[in-house]
Amino acid sequence: MAAALAWFTRLVGSDLVAVLPMDAAAAVIAGRLRAAQPIAPTGTRRSGPRPEQRAAWVLDLQIAACAYSHGYELATDNQRDMTAARDLIAELYPSGPPLEVEPAPLL
């Protein structure tokens, strides 16, 4: 456990990761995304109990909202859910720039 925490601490402090705040703009975007799609469109393809699936979707929306509001693209292994969030953002903000979602690079 201590080794994992040390690794994570180094990762967050490195240039590989941008830690973005969940500010007011991101919170509004996340709220609009959640209202538009309260349950993940991937539904039963997620693993785990249903409450955990719903919580994971809310967290995915918050991540997408933070990236979008701060002008970052996403690199993720969760392509299905993040492309769904990207598409929702495009519907809600058609005149805004698209959220770019790319596969996570292999480290």
PDB file of N, CA and C in Angstrom:
ATOM      1  N   MET A   1       0.811  -1.188   0.000  1.00  0.00           N
ATOM      2  CA  MET A   1       0.000   0.000   0.000  1.00  0.00           C
ATOM      3  C   MET A   1       0.859   1.258   0.000  1.00  0.00           C
ATOM      4  N   ALA A   2       1.909   1.270   0.799  1.00  0.00           N
ATOM      5  CA  ALA A   2       2.791   2.437   0.875  1.00  0.00           C
ATOM      6  C   ALA A   2       3.498   2.662  -0.450  1.00  0.00           C
ATOM      7  N   ALA A   3       3.887   1.584  -1.120  1.00  0.00           N
ATOM      8  CA  ALA A   3       4.565   1.714  -2.418  1.00  0.00           C
ATOM      9  C   ALA A   3       3.615   2.296  -3.458  1.00  0.00           C
ATOM     10  N   ALA A   4       2.353   1.867  -3.444  1.00  0.00           N
ATOM     11  CA  ALA A   4       1.371   2.397  -4.386  1.00  0.00           C
ATOM     12  C   ALA A   4       1.123   3.880  -4.136  1.00  0.00           C
ATOM     13  N   LEU A   5       1.047   4.275  -2.877  1.00  0.00           N
ATOM     14  CA  LEU A   5       0.852   5.682  -2.545  1.00  0.00           C
ATOM     15  C   LEU A   5       2.054   6.515  -2.979  1.00  0.00           C
ATOM     16  N   ALA A   6       3.243   5.998  -2.786  1.00  0.00           N
ATOM     17  CA  ALA A   6       4.450   6.712  -3.211  1.00  0.00           C
ATOM     18  C   ALA A   6       4.466   6.871  -4.731  1.00  0.00           C
ATOM     19  N   TRP A   7       4.126   5.811  -5.447  1.00  0.00           N
ATOM     20  CA  TRP A   7       4.066   5.887  -6.911  1.00  0.00           C
ATOM     21  C   TRP A   7       3.046   6.926  -7.359  1.00  0.00           C
ATOM     22  N   PHE A   8       1.857   6.896  -6.759  1.00  0.00           N
ATOM     23  CA  PHE A   8       0.801   7.835  -7.132  1.00  0.00           C
ATOM     24  C   PHE A   8       1.218   9.277  -6.838  1.00  0.00           C
ATOM     25  N   THR A   9       1.846   9.482  -5.704  1.00  0.00           N
ATOM     26  CA  THR A   9       2.314  10.817  -5.336  1.00  0.00           C
ATOM     27  C   THR A   9       3.336  11.335  -6.346  1.00  0.00           C
ATOM     28  N   ARG A  10       4.254  10.482  -6.765  1.00  0.00           N
ATOM     29  CA  ARG A  10       5.231  10.877  -7.786  1.00  0.00           C
ATOM     30  C   ARG A  10       4.541  11.173  -9.115  1.00  0.00           C
ATOM     31  N   LEU A  11       3.566  10.354  -9.484  1.00  0.00           N
ATOM     32  CA  LEU A  11       2.858  10.544 -10.752  1.00  0.00           C
ATOM     33  C   LEU A  11       2.131  11.877 -10.770  1.00  0.00           C
ATOM     34  N   VAL A  12       1.387  12.183  -9.730  1.00  0.00           N
ATOM     35  CA  VAL A  12       0.622  13.430  -9.667  1.00  0.00           C
ATOM     36  C   VAL A  12       1.552  14.642  -9.660  1.00  0.00           C
ATOM     37  N   GLY A  13       2.718  14.506  -9.090  1.00  0.00           N
ATOM     38  CA  GLY A  13       3.674  15.600  -9.054  1.00  0.00           C
ATOM     39  C   GLY A  13       4.501  15.745 -10.316  1.00  0.00           C
ATOM     40  N   SER A  14       4.356  14.811 -11.249  1.00  0.00           N
ATOM     41  CA  SER A  14       5.163  14.833 -12.474  1.00  0.00           C
ATOM     42  C   SER A  14       4.500  15.677 -13.555  1.00  0.00           C
ATOM     43  N   ASP A  15       5.190  15.810 -14.674  1.00  0.00           N
ATOM     44  CA  ASP A  15       4.649  16.528 -15.824  1.00  0.00           C
ATOM     45  C   ASP A  15       3.682  15.670 -16.644  1.00  0.00           C
ATOM     46  N   LEU A  16       3.500  14.413 -16.274  1.00  0.00           N
ATOM     47  CA  LEU A  16       2.621  13.515 -17.021  1.00  0.00           C
ATOM     48  C   LEU A  16       1.147  13.756 -16.745  1.00  0.00           C
ATOM     49  N   VAL A  17       0.841  14.377 -15.610  1.00  0.00           N
ATOM     50  CA  VAL A  17      -0.539  14.520 -15.166  1.00  0.00           C
ATOM     51  C   VAL A  17      -0.834  15.995 -14.879  1.00  0.00           C
ATOM     52  N   ALA A  18      -1.975  16.457 -15.355  1.00  0.00           N
ATOM     53  CA  ALA A  18      -2.463  17.791 -14.998  1.00  0.00           C
ATOM     54  C   ALA A  18      -3.642  17.606 -14.044  1.00  0.00           C
ATOM     55  N   VAL A  19      -3.511  18.098 -12.831  1.00  0.00           N
ATOM     56  CA  VAL A  19      -4.589  18.013 -11.854  1.00  0.00           C
ATOM     57  C   VAL A  19      -5.448  19.264 -12.032  1.00  0.00           C
ATOM     58  N   LEU A  20      -6.691  19.054 -12.435  1.00  0.00           N
ATOM     59  CA  LEU A  20      -7.591  20.166 -12.747  1.00  0.00           C
ATOM     60  C   LEU A  20      -8.625  20.332 -11.650  1.00  0.00           C
ATOM     61  N   PRO A  21      -8.950  21.569 -11.313  1.00  0.00           N
ATOM     62  CA  PRO A  21      -9.964  21.783 -10.273  1.00  0.00           C
ATOM     63  C   PRO A  21     -11.377  21.567 -10.809  1.00  0.00           C
ATOM     64  N   MET A  22     -12.245  21.114  -9.927  1.00  0.00           N
ATOM     65  CA  MET A  22     -13.674  21.026 -10.239  1.00  0.00           C
ATOM     66  C   MET A  22     -14.251  22.380  -9.834  1.00  0.00           C
ATOM     67  N   ASP A  23     -14.053  23.369 -10.713  1.00  0.00           N
ATOM     68  CA  ASP A  23     -14.511  24.726 -10.415  1.00  0.00           C
ATOM     69  C   ASP A  23     -15.976  24.889 -10.822  1.00  0.00           C
ATOM     70  N   ALA A  24     -16.486  26.103 -10.708  1.00  0.00           N
ATOM     71  CA  ALA A  24     -17.903  26.350 -10.982  1.00  0.00           C
ATOM     72  C   ALA A  24     -18.283  25.993 -12.419  1.00  0.00           C
ATOM     73  N   ALA A  25     -17.435  26.358 -13.377  1.00  0.00           N
ATOM     74  CA  ALA A  25     -17.746  26.056 -14.781  1.00  0.00           C
ATOM     75  C   ALA A  25     -17.824  24.551 -15.004  1.00  0.00           C
ATOM     76  N   ALA A  26     -16.862  23.802 -14.464  1.00  0.00           N
ATOM     77  CA  ALA A  26     -16.867  22.348 -14.620  1.00  0.00           C
ATOM     78  C   ALA A  26     -18.079  21.734 -13.909  1.00  0.00           C
ATOM     79  N   ALA A  27     -18.443  22.272 -12.753  1.00  0.00           N
ATOM     80  CA  ALA A  27     -19.594  21.748 -12.019  1.00  0.00           C
ATOM     81  C   ALA A  27     -20.889  21.942 -12.799  1.00  0.00           C
ATOM     82  N   VAL A  28     -21.040  23.085 -13.446  1.00  0.00           N
ATOM     83  CA  VAL A  28     -22.236  23.329 -14.260  1.00  0.00           C
ATOM     84  C   VAL A  28     -22.276  22.352 -15.436  1.00  0.00           C
ATOM     85  N   ILE A  29     -21.151  22.172 -16.092  1.00  0.00           N
ATOM     86  CA  ILE A  29     -21.101  21.237 -17.223  1.00  0.00           C
ATOM     87  C   ILE A  29     -21.421  19.824 -16.748  1.00  0.00           C
ATOM     88  N   ALA A  30     -20.809  19.405 -15.643  1.00  0.00           N
ATOM     89  CA  ALA A  30     -21.065  18.062 -15.112  1.00  0.00           C
ATOM     90  C   ALA A  30     -22.539  17.885 -14.748  1.00  0.00           C
ATOM     91  N   GLY A  31     -23.133  18.901 -14.164  1.00  0.00           N
ATOM     92  CA  GLY A  31     -24.556  18.834 -13.820  1.00  0.00           C
ATOM     93  C   GLY A  31     -25.434  18.713 -15.046  1.00  0.00           C
ATOM     94  N   ARG A  32     -25.115  19.468 -16.089  1.00  0.00           N
ATOM     95  CA  ARG A  32     -25.894  19.377 -17.332  1.00  0.00           C
ATOM     96  C   ARG A  32     -25.729  18.001 -17.982  1.00  0.00           C
ATOM     97  N   LEU A  33     -24.510  17.454 -17.931  1.00  0.00           N
ATOM     98  CA  LEU A  33     -24.281  16.118 -18.484  1.00  0.00           C
ATOM     99  C   LEU A  33     -25.083  15.079 -17.720  1.00  0.00           C
ATOM    100  N   ARG A  34     -25.068  15.175 -16.409  1.00  0.00           N
ATOM    101  CA  ARG A  34     -25.799  14.211 -15.571  1.00  0.00           C
ATOM    102  C   ARG A  34     -27.296  14.309 -15.802  1.00  0.00           C
ATOM    103  N   ALA A  35     -27.799  15.537 -15.970  1.00  0.00           N
ATOM    104  CA  ALA A  35     -29.228  15.705 -16.236  1.00  0.00           C
ATOM    105  C   ALA A  35     -29.594  15.126 -17.599  1.00  0.00           C
ATOM    106  N   ALA A  36     -28.718  15.270 -18.560  1.00  0.00           N
ATOM    107  CA  ALA A  36     -28.993  14.762 -19.916  1.00  0.00           C
ATOM    108  C   ALA A  36     -28.880  13.244 -19.999  1.00  0.00           C
ATOM    109  N   GLN A  37     -27.979  12.651 -19.203  1.00  0.00           N
ATOM    110  CA  GLN A  37     -27.753  11.201 -19.253  1.00  0.00           C
ATOM    111  C   GLN A  37     -27.485  10.701 -17.840  1.00  0.00           C
ATOM    112  N   PRO A  38     -28.543  10.501 -17.030  1.00  0.00           N
ATOM    113  CA  PRO A  38     -28.337  10.135 -15.622  1.00  0.00           C
ATOM    114  C   PRO A  38     -27.699   8.766 -15.413  1.00  0.00           C
ATOM    115  N   ILE A  39     -27.882   7.873 -16.358  1.00  0.00           N
ATOM    116  CA  ILE A  39     -27.317   6.524 -16.251  1.00  0.00           C
ATOM    117  C   ILE A  39     -26.404   6.306 -17.448  1.00  0.00           C
ATOM    118  N   ALA A  40     -25.274   5.668 -17.211  1.00  0.00           N
ATOM    119  CA  ALA A  40     -24.308   5.442 -18.288  1.00  0.00           C
ATOM    120  C   ALA A  40     -24.958   4.722 -19.460  1.00  0.00           C
ATOM    121  N   PRO A  41     -24.719   5.194 -20.671  1.00  0.00           N
ATOM    122  CA  PRO A  41     -25.289   4.513 -21.838  1.00  0.00           C
ATOM    123  C   PRO A  41     -24.705   3.120 -22.036  1.00  0.00           C
ATOM    124  N   THR A  42     -23.558   2.857 -21.423  1.00  0.00           N
ATOM    125  CA  THR A  42     -22.963   1.529 -21.509  1.00  0.00           C
ATOM    126  C   THR A  42     -23.639   0.553 -20.565  1.00  0.00           C
ATOM    127  N   GLY A  43     -24.431   1.084 -19.633  1.00  0.00           N
ATOM    128  CA  GLY A  43     -25.302   0.292 -18.763  1.00  0.00           C
ATOM    129  C   GLY A  43     -24.687  -0.949 -18.168  1.00  0.00           C
ATOM    130  N   THR A  44     -25.260  -2.088 -18.492  1.00  0.00           N
ATOM    131  CA  THR A  44     -24.890  -3.349 -17.841  1.00  0.00           C
ATOM    132  C   THR A  44     -23.524  -3.864 -18.264  1.00  0.00           C
ATOM    133  N   ARG A  45     -22.863  -3.202 -19.192  1.00  0.00           N
ATOM    134  CA  ARG A  45     -21.515  -3.639 -19.568  1.00  0.00           C
ATOM    135  C   ARG A  45     -20.484  -3.263 -18.513  1.00  0.00           C
ATOM    136  N   ARG A  46     -20.855  -2.410 -17.583  1.00  0.00           N
ATOM    137  CA  ARG A  46     -19.944  -2.062 -16.487  1.00  0.00           C
ATOM    138  C   ARG A  46     -19.937  -3.198 -15.472  1.00  0.00           C
ATOM    139  N   SER A  47     -18.810  -3.346 -14.811  1.00  0.00           N
ATOM    140  CA  SER A  47     -18.743  -4.373 -13.767  1.00  0.00           C
ATOM    141  C   SER A  47     -19.083  -3.750 -12.419  1.00  0.00           C
ATOM    142  N   GLY A  48     -19.439  -4.602 -11.483  1.00  0.00           N
ATOM    143  CA  GLY A  48     -19.726  -4.151 -10.128  1.00  0.00           C
ATOM    144  C   GLY A  48     -21.201  -3.953  -9.881  1.00  0.00           C
ATOM    145  N   PRO A  49     -21.555  -3.736  -8.615  1.00  0.00           N
ATOM    146  CA  PRO A  49     -22.954  -3.501  -8.251  1.00  0.00           C
ATOM    147  C   PRO A  49     -23.484  -2.217  -8.902  1.00  0.00           C
ATOM    148  N   ARG A  50     -24.773  -2.164  -9.100  1.00  0.00           N
ATOM    149  CA  ARG A  50     -25.400  -1.027  -9.783  1.00  0.00           C
ATOM    150  C   ARG A  50     -25.076   0.328  -9.138  1.00  0.00           C
ATOM    151  N   PRO A  51     -25.105   0.466  -7.801  1.00  0.00           N
ATOM    152  CA  PRO A  51     -24.745   1.776  -7.217  1.00  0.00           C
ATOM    153  C   PRO A  51     -23.314   2.200  -7.583  1.00  0.00           C
ATOM    154  N   GLU A  52     -22.397   1.247  -7.630  1.00  0.00           N
ATOM    155  CA  GLU A  52     -21.027   1.568  -8.009  1.00  0.00           C
ATOM    156  C   GLU A  52     -20.947   1.954  -9.486  1.00  0.00           C
ATOM    157  N   GLN A  53     -21.747   1.306 -10.325  1.00  0.00           N
ATOM    158  CA  GLN A  53     -21.779   1.645 -11.742  1.00  0.00           C
ATOM    159  C   GLN A  53     -22.255   3.092 -11.918  1.00  0.00           C
ATOM    160  N   ARG A  54     -23.293   3.463 -11.187  1.00  0.00           N
ATOM    161  CA  ARG A  54     -23.822   4.830 -11.292  1.00  0.00           C
ATOM    162  C   ARG A  54     -22.817   5.855 -10.771  1.00  0.00           C
ATOM    163  N   ALA A  55     -22.161   5.527  -9.660  1.00  0.00           N
ATOM    164  CA  ALA A  55     -21.154   6.441  -9.112  1.00  0.00           C
ATOM    165  C   ALA A  55     -19.992   6.601 -10.093  1.00  0.00           C
ATOM    166  N   ALA A  56     -19.592   5.515 -10.733  1.00  0.00           N
ATOM    167  CA  ALA A  56     -18.496   5.590 -11.705  1.00  0.00           C
ATOM    168  C   ALA A  56     -18.884   6.484 -12.880  1.00  0.00           C
ATOM    169  N   TRP A  57     -20.134   6.431 -13.322  1.00  0.00           N
ATOM    170  CA  TRP A  57     -20.595   7.280 -14.417  1.00  0.00           C
ATOM    171  C   TRP A  57     -20.547   8.757 -14.001  1.00  0.00           C
ATOM    172  N   VAL A  58     -20.984   9.058 -12.794  1.00  0.00           N
ATOM    173  CA  VAL A  58     -20.939  10.443 -12.312  1.00  0.00           C
ATOM    174  C   VAL A  58     -19.494  10.937 -12.271  1.00  0.00           C
ATOM    175  N   LEU A  59     -18.590  10.103 -11.797  1.00  0.00           N
ATOM    176  CA  LEU A  59     -17.177  10.491 -11.768  1.00  0.00           C
ATOM    177  C   LEU A  59     -16.627  10.682 -13.178  1.00  0.00           C
ATOM    178  N   ASP A  60     -17.010   9.819 -14.106  1.00  0.00           N
ATOM    179  CA  ASP A  60     -16.588   9.985 -15.501  1.00  0.00           C
ATOM    180  C   ASP A  60     -17.071  11.324 -16.060  1.00  0.00           C
ATOM    181  N   LEU A  61     -18.312  11.679 -15.750  1.00  0.00           N
ATOM    182  CA  LEU A  61     -18.846  12.958 -16.222  1.00  0.00           C
ATOM    183  C   LEU A  61     -18.082  14.125 -15.618  1.00  0.00           C
ATOM    184  N   GLN A  62     -17.712  14.017 -14.357  1.00  0.00           N
ATOM    185  CA  GLN A  62     -16.948  15.081 -13.716  1.00  0.00           C
ATOM    186  C   GLN A  62     -15.558  15.213 -14.341  1.00  0.00           C
ATOM    187  N   ILE A  63     -14.930  14.102 -14.642  1.00  0.00           N
ATOM    188  CA  ILE A  63     -13.621  14.130 -15.297  1.00  0.00           C
ATOM    189  C   ILE A  63     -13.736  14.785 -16.668  1.00  0.00           C
ATOM    190  N   ALA A  64     -14.727  14.367 -17.448  1.00  0.00           N
ATOM    191  CA  ALA A  64     -14.919  14.946 -18.780  1.00  0.00           C
ATOM    192  C   ALA A  64     -15.221  16.434 -18.696  1.00  0.00           C
ATOM    193  N   ALA A  65     -16.046  16.829 -17.736  1.00  0.00           N
ATOM    194  CA  ALA A  65     -16.405  18.239 -17.572  1.00  0.00           C
ATOM    195  C   ALA A  65     -15.189  19.075 -17.199  1.00  0.00           C
ATOM    196  N   CYS A  66     -14.354  18.565 -16.308  1.00  0.00           N
ATOM    197  CA  CYS A  66     -13.135  19.297 -15.920  1.00  0.00           C
ATOM    198  C   CYS A  66     -12.204  19.449 -17.125  1.00  0.00           C
ATOM    199  N   ALA A  67     -11.985  18.377 -17.857  1.00  0.00           N
ATOM    200  CA  ALA A  67     -11.113  18.456 -19.029  1.00  0.00           C
ATOM    201  C   ALA A  67     -11.660  19.462 -20.032  1.00  0.00           C
ATOM    202  N   TYR A  68     -12.950  19.383 -20.305  1.00  0.00           N
ATOM    203  CA  TYR A  68     -13.568  20.276 -21.285  1.00  0.00           C
ATOM    204  C   TYR A  68     -13.504  21.736 -20.839  1.00  0.00           C
ATOM    205  N   SER A  69     -13.863  22.002 -19.598  1.00  0.00           N
ATOM    206  CA  SER A  69     -13.913  23.393 -19.141  1.00  0.00           C
ATOM    207  C   SER A  69     -12.527  24.032 -19.079  1.00  0.00           C
ATOM    208  N   HIS A  70     -11.497  23.218 -18.923  1.00  0.00           N
ATOM    209  CA  HIS A  70     -10.135  23.746 -18.854  1.00  0.00           C
ATOM    210  C   HIS A  70      -9.395  23.631 -20.189  1.00  0.00           C
ATOM    211  N   GLY A  71     -10.065  23.089 -21.217  1.00  0.00           N
ATOM    212  CA  GLY A  71      -9.465  23.021 -22.544  1.00  0.00           C
ATOM    213  C   GLY A  71      -8.447  21.913 -22.742  1.00  0.00           C
ATOM    214  N   TYR A  72      -8.579  20.832 -21.983  1.00  0.00           N
ATOM    215  CA  TYR A  72      -7.668  19.698 -22.119  1.00  0.00           C
ATOM    216  C   TYR A  72      -8.342  18.567 -22.877  1.00  0.00           C
ATOM    217  N   GLU A  73      -7.528  17.725 -23.485  1.00  0.00           N
ATOM    218  CA  GLU A  73      -8.044  16.485 -24.050  1.00  0.00           C
ATOM    219  C   GLU A  73      -7.874  15.386 -23.011  1.00  0.00           C
ATOM    220  N   LEU A  74      -8.553  14.272 -23.225  1.00  0.00           N
ATOM    221  CA  LEU A  74      -8.470  13.139 -22.301  1.00  0.00           C
ATOM    222  C   LEU A  74      -7.712  11.992 -22.947  1.00  0.00           C
ATOM    223  N   ALA A  75      -6.836  11.390 -22.189  1.00  0.00           N
ATOM    224  CA  ALA A  75      -6.186  10.141 -22.574  1.00  0.00           C
ATOM    225  C   ALA A  75      -6.656   9.109 -21.558  1.00  0.00           C
ATOM    226  N   THR A  76      -7.378   8.102 -22.023  1.00  0.00           N
ATOM    227  CA  THR A  76      -8.027   7.176 -21.098  1.00  0.00           C
ATOM    228  C   THR A  76      -8.132   5.770 -21.674  1.00  0.00           C
ATOM    229  N   ASP A  77      -8.185   4.803 -20.772  1.00  0.00           N
ATOM    230  CA  ASP A  77      -8.500   3.426 -21.163  1.00  0.00           C
ATOM    231  C   ASP A  77     -10.014   3.224 -21.237  1.00  0.00           C
ATOM    232  N   ASN A  78     -10.764   4.154 -20.699  1.00  0.00           N
ATOM    233  CA  ASN A  78     -12.229   4.056 -20.645  1.00  0.00           C
ATOM    234  C   ASN A  78     -12.832   4.748 -21.874  1.00  0.00           C
ATOM    235  N   GLN A  79     -12.543   4.232 -23.028  1.00  0.00           N
ATOM    236  CA  GLN A  79     -12.980   4.852 -24.276  1.00  0.00           C
ATOM    237  C   GLN A  79     -14.501   4.890 -24.415  1.00  0.00           C
ATOM    238  N   ARG A  80     -15.177   3.820 -24.042  1.00  0.00           N
ATOM    239  CA  ARG A  80     -16.636   3.758 -24.219  1.00  0.00           C
ATOM    240  C   ARG A  80     -17.353   4.881 -23.490  1.00  0.00           C
ATOM    241  N   ASP A  81     -17.075   5.011 -22.211  1.00  0.00           N
ATOM    242  CA  ASP A  81     -17.793   6.011 -21.418  1.00  0.00           C
ATOM    243  C   ASP A  81     -17.334   7.425 -21.736  1.00  0.00           C
ATOM    244  N   MET A  82     -16.061   7.607 -21.984  1.00  0.00           N
ATOM    245  CA  MET A  82     -15.581   8.960 -22.259  1.00  0.00           C
ATOM    246  C   MET A  82     -16.001   9.444 -23.647  1.00  0.00           C
ATOM    247  N   THR A  83     -16.120   8.552 -24.612  1.00  0.00           N
ATOM    248  CA  THR A  83     -16.647   9.000 -25.899  1.00  0.00           C
ATOM    249  C   THR A  83     -18.144   9.309 -25.784  1.00  0.00           C
ATOM    250  N   ALA A  84     -18.846   8.591 -24.909  1.00  0.00           N
ATOM    251  CA  ALA A  84     -20.257   8.918 -24.660  1.00  0.00           C
ATOM    252  C   ALA A  84     -20.361  10.299 -24.015  1.00  0.00           C
ATOM    253  N   ALA A  85     -19.485  10.598 -23.053  1.00  0.00           N
ATOM    254  CA  ALA A  85     -19.475  11.922 -22.429  1.00  0.00           C
ATOM    255  C   ALA A  85     -19.099  12.986 -23.454  1.00  0.00           C
ATOM    256  N   ARG A  86     -18.125  12.692 -24.298  1.00  0.00           N
ATOM    257  CA  ARG A  86     -17.728  13.625 -25.365  1.00  0.00           C
ATOM    258  C   ARG A  86     -18.910  13.960 -26.269  1.00  0.00           C
ATOM    259  N   ASP A  87     -19.669  12.934 -26.642  1.00  0.00           N
ATOM    260  CA  ASP A  87     -20.828  13.145 -27.514  1.00  0.00           C
ATOM    261  C   ASP A  87     -21.906  13.976 -26.824  1.00  0.00           C
ATOM    262  N   LEU A  88     -22.107  13.754 -25.529  1.00  0.00           N
ATOM    263  CA  LEU A  88     -23.063  14.565 -24.771  1.00  0.00           C
ATOM    264  C   LEU A  88     -22.626  16.027 -24.726  1.00  0.00           C
ATOM    265  N   ILE A  89     -21.344  16.250 -24.520  1.00  0.00           N
ATOM    266  CA  ILE A  89     -20.819  17.619 -24.506  1.00  0.00           C
ATOM    267  C   ILE A  89     -21.062  18.276 -25.855  1.00  0.00           C
ATOM    268  N   ALA A  90     -20.824  17.545 -26.928  1.00  0.00           N
ATOM    269  CA  ALA A  90     -21.042  18.098 -28.269  1.00  0.00           C
ATOM    270  C   ALA A  90     -22.510  18.473 -28.487  1.00  0.00           C
ATOM    271  N   GLU A  91     -23.432  17.679 -27.936  1.00  0.00           N
ATOM    272  CA  GLU A  91     -24.869  17.992 -28.042  1.00  0.00           C
ATOM    273  C   GLU A  91     -25.234  19.225 -27.224  1.00  0.00           C
ATOM    274  N   LEU A  92     -24.687  19.314 -26.016  1.00  0.00           N
ATOM    275  CA  LEU A  92     -25.034  20.418 -25.114  1.00  0.00           C
ATOM    276  C   LEU A  92     -24.333  21.724 -25.477  1.00  0.00           C
ATOM    277  N   TYR A  93     -23.165  21.634 -26.066  1.00  0.00           N
ATOM    278  CA  TYR A  93     -22.370  22.816 -26.414  1.00  0.00           C
ATOM    279  C   TYR A  93     -21.955  22.736 -27.885  1.00  0.00           C
ATOM    280  N   PRO A  94     -22.924  22.797 -28.808  1.00  0.00           N
ATOM    281  CA  PRO A  94     -22.604  22.591 -30.227  1.00  0.00           C
ATOM    282  C   PRO A  94     -21.677  23.653 -30.823  1.00  0.00           C
ATOM    283  N   SER A  95     -21.648  24.844 -30.255  1.00  0.00           N
ATOM    284  CA  SER A  95     -20.771  25.881 -30.805  1.00  0.00           C
ATOM    285  C   SER A  95     -19.386  25.867 -30.150  1.00  0.00           C
ATOM    286  N   GLY A  96     -19.195  25.040 -29.148  1.00  0.00           N
ATOM    287  CA  GLY A  96     -17.906  24.967 -28.459  1.00  0.00           C
ATOM    288  C   GLY A  96     -16.959  24.009 -29.154  1.00  0.00           C
ATOM    289  N   PRO A  97     -15.695  24.044 -28.748  1.00  0.00           N
ATOM    290  CA  PRO A  97     -14.730  23.100 -29.328  1.00  0.00           C
ATOM    291  C   PRO A  97     -15.048  21.681 -28.855  1.00  0.00           C
ATOM    292  N   PRO A  98     -14.686  20.693 -29.632  1.00  0.00           N
ATOM    293  CA  PRO A  98     -14.954  19.316 -29.199  1.00  0.00           C
ATOM    294  C   PRO A  98     -14.004  18.876 -28.096  1.00  0.00           C
ATOM    295  N   LEU A  99     -14.473  17.977 -27.257  1.00  0.00           N
ATOM    296  CA  LEU A  99     -13.605  17.326 -26.278  1.00  0.00           C
ATOM    297  C   LEU A  99     -12.903  16.193 -27.011  1.00  0.00           C
ATOM    298  N   GLU A 100     -11.592  16.223 -27.007  1.00  0.00           N
ATOM    299  CA  GLU A 100     -10.824  15.161 -27.642  1.00  0.00           C
ATOM    300  C   GLU A 100     -10.627  14.022 -26.647  1.00  0.00           C
ATOM    301  N   VAL A 101     -10.923  12.795 -27.074  1.00  0.00           N
ATOM    302  CA  VAL A 101     -10.745  11.604 -26.241  1.00  0.00           C
ATOM    303  C   VAL A 101      -9.852  10.648 -27.010  1.00  0.00           C
ATOM    304  N   GLU A 102      -8.700  10.384 -26.438  1.00  0.00           N
ATOM    305  CA  GLU A 102      -7.693   9.518 -27.069  1.00  0.00           C
ATOM    306  C   GLU A 102      -7.412   8.304 -26.195  1.00  0.00           C
ATOM    307  N   PRO A 103      -6.956   7.207 -26.790  1.00  0.00           N
ATOM    308  CA  PRO A 103      -6.539   6.071 -25.968  1.00  0.00           C
ATOM    309  C   PRO A 103      -5.340   6.461 -25.111  1.00  0.00           C
ATOM    310  N   ALA A 104      -5.286   5.923 -23.916  1.00  0.00           N
ATOM    311  CA  ALA A 104      -4.155   6.200 -23.027  1.00  0.00           C
ATOM    312  C   ALA A 104      -2.900   5.586 -23.621  1.00  0.00           C
ATOM    313  N   PRO A 105      -1.787   6.316 -23.565  1.00  0.00           N
ATOM    314  CA  PRO A 105      -0.538   5.743 -24.073  1.00  0.00           C
ATOM    315  C   PRO A 105      -0.029   4.639 -23.140  1.00  0.00           C
ATOM    316  N   LEU A 106       0.654   3.708 -23.704  1.00  0.00           N
ATOM    317  CA  LEU A 106       1.267   2.657 -22.895  1.00  0.00           C
ATOM    318  C   LEU A 106       2.525   3.228 -22.268  1.00  0.00           C
ATOM    319  N   LEU A 107       2.620   3.098 -20.961  1.00  0.00           N
ATOM    320  CA  LEU A 107       3.809   3.614 -20.254  1.00  0.00           C
ATOM    321  C   LEU A 107       4.782   2.525 -19.974  1.00  0.00           C
TER     322      LEU A 107
END
